Amino acid sequence: MSSNIAESIKRAEHARDLLLNNRIEEARLSVQHVAATDIYAAMVQCNIGFMQAVMTFDRDLISESIKAIDDIIELLCRHRHKDNIMGYVMSYIKNRDFNKFTELEKHAELVRA
């Protein structure tokens, strides 16, 4: 596993632990600075916002949560494997060869699923 992805997962696990210990704002701040480019940090931030929105029914938090979900989908799409048109069509006919994906592309596919 590349060091960037390992660091990303470690950061996300730390934020999750903070969140589960009711240190919500610390959890949010621990990933906020990298959430625009880091898929796992963005997922943590999205989950924190979603949980707050669901628990409070605050319309502003719900709107922010919906935007965060859209942002994470856009981020994942940027990191997913890009096929040419033939590869795209062939993926419907036979299984994709994940051995040709970079590690980040594999993680983006997994998280998006």
Protein backbone atom coordinates (compact mmCIF):
# COMPACT_ATOMS: atom_id res chain seq x y z
CA MET A 1 0.00 0.00 0.00
CA SER A 2 1.42 3.38 -0.92
CA SER A 3 2.33 5.69 1.92
CA ASN A 4 -0.18 8.35 0.83
CA ILE A 5 -3.10 5.95 0.99
CA ALA A 6 -1.85 4.45 4.26
CA GLU A 7 -1.56 7.94 5.76
CA SER A 8 -5.02 8.79 4.45
CA ILE A 9 -6.55 5.71 6.04
CA LYS A 10 -4.71 6.36 9.31
CA ARG A 11 -5.98 9.98 9.35
CA ALA A 12 -9.53 8.79 8.67
CA GLU A 13 -9.33 6.17 11.43
CA HIS A 14 -8.09 8.82 13.88
CA ALA A 15 -10.98 11.13 12.92
CA ARG A 16 -13.42 8.23 13.30
CA ASP A 17 -12.08 7.53 16.78
CA LEU A 18 -12.49 11.19 17.72
CA LEU A 19 -16.03 11.15 16.38
CA LEU A 20 -16.95 8.01 18.32
CA ASN A 21 -15.64 9.66 21.48
CA ASN A 22 -17.98 12.64 20.91
CA ARG A 23 -15.13 14.92 19.89
CA ILE A 24 -17.01 15.89 16.76
CA GLU A 25 -15.42 19.27 16.08
CA GLU A 26 -11.91 17.85 16.58
CA ALA A 27 -12.76 15.04 14.13
CA ARG A 28 -14.00 17.53 11.55
CA LEU A 29 -10.92 19.76 11.95
CA SER A 30 -8.54 16.80 11.71
CA VAL A 31 -9.61 16.09 8.12
CA GLN A 32 -10.85 19.46 6.93
CA HIS A 33 -7.51 20.64 5.52
CA VAL A 34 -7.19 17.68 3.12
CA ALA A 35 -10.83 16.78 2.40
CA ALA A 36 -10.78 18.47 -1.00
CA THR A 37 -8.19 15.98 -2.35
CA ASP A 38 -8.20 12.99 0.02
CA ILE A 39 -11.00 10.48 -0.57
CA TYR A 40 -10.97 9.04 2.95
CA ALA A 41 -10.84 12.46 4.64
CA ALA A 42 -13.70 13.59 2.44
CA MET A 43 -15.71 10.49 3.42
CA VAL A 44 -15.16 11.19 7.12
CA GLN A 45 -16.15 14.82 6.71
CA CYS A 46 -19.22 13.80 4.72
CA ASN A 47 -20.25 11.24 7.34
CA ILE A 48 -19.83 13.74 10.19
CA GLY A 49 -22.02 16.26 8.39
CA PHE A 50 -24.61 13.61 7.54
CA MET A 51 -24.78 12.38 11.13
CA GLN A 52 -25.20 15.91 12.48
CA ALA A 53 -27.90 16.66 9.91
CA VAL A 54 -29.84 13.49 10.72
CA MET A 55 -29.58 14.02 14.47
CA THR A 56 -30.65 17.68 14.43
CA PHE A 57 -32.98 17.90 11.40
CA ASP A 58 -31.40 21.33 10.79
CA ARG A 59 -32.19 22.41 7.22
CA ASP A 60 -28.82 24.14 6.79
CA LEU A 61 -26.93 21.04 7.92
CA ILE A 62 -29.04 18.88 5.62
CA SER A 63 -28.19 21.16 2.68
CA GLU A 64 -24.49 21.10 3.62
CA SER A 65 -24.62 17.31 3.89
CA ILE A 66 -26.17 16.97 0.43
CA LYS A 67 -23.47 19.23 -1.01
CA ALA A 68 -20.77 17.18 0.77
CA ILE A 69 -22.18 13.99 -0.79
CA ASP A 70 -22.07 15.62 -4.24
CA ASP A 71 -18.49 16.76 -3.56
CA ILE A 72 -17.31 13.28 -2.52
CA ILE A 73 -18.88 11.73 -5.63
CA GLU A 74 -17.11 14.30 -7.81
CA LEU A 75 -13.80 13.65 -6.01
CA LEU A 76 -14.17 9.89 -6.44
CA CYS A 77 -14.97 10.27 -10.13
CA ARG A 78 -11.77 12.29 -10.59
CA HIS A 79 -9.75 9.44 -9.06
CA ARG A 80 -11.50 6.54 -10.77
CA HIS A 81 -9.93 4.63 -13.63
CA LYS A 82 -10.55 6.28 -16.98
CA ASP A 83 -11.38 3.89 -19.79
CA ASN A 84 -11.53 4.76 -23.45
CA ILE A 85 -14.86 4.12 -25.16
CA MET A 86 -13.88 0.59 -26.18
CA GLY A 87 -12.80 -0.26 -22.63
CA TYR A 88 -16.06 1.14 -21.32
CA VAL A 89 -18.12 -1.01 -23.69
CA MET A 90 -16.00 -4.10 -22.97
CA SER A 91 -16.49 -3.67 -19.21
CA TYR A 92 -20.16 -4.56 -19.78
CA ILE A 93 -19.25 -7.68 -21.72
CA LYS A 94 -16.50 -9.04 -19.50
CA ASN A 95 -15.10 -8.28 -16.07
CA ARG A 96 -12.76 -5.33 -15.67
CA ASP A 97 -9.07 -6.09 -15.16
CA PHE A 98 -8.36 -4.40 -11.84
CA ASN A 99 -4.69 -5.33 -12.14
CA LYS A 100 -4.34 -2.43 -14.60
CA PHE A 101 -5.65 0.09 -12.05
CA THR A 102 -3.39 2.19 -9.83
CA GLU A 103 -3.82 1.76 -6.11
CA LEU A 104 -5.65 5.09 -5.82
CA GLU A 105 -8.01 4.11 -8.66
CA LYS A 106 -8.80 0.83 -6.88
CA HIS A 107 -9.57 2.68 -3.65
CA ALA A 108 -11.75 5.22 -5.47
CA GLU A 109 -13.70 2.39 -7.13
CA LEU A 110 -14.13 0.65 -3.80
CA VAL A 111 -15.25 3.73 -1.90
CA ARG A 112 -17.65 4.79 -4.65
CA ALA A 113 -19.23 1.33 -4.69
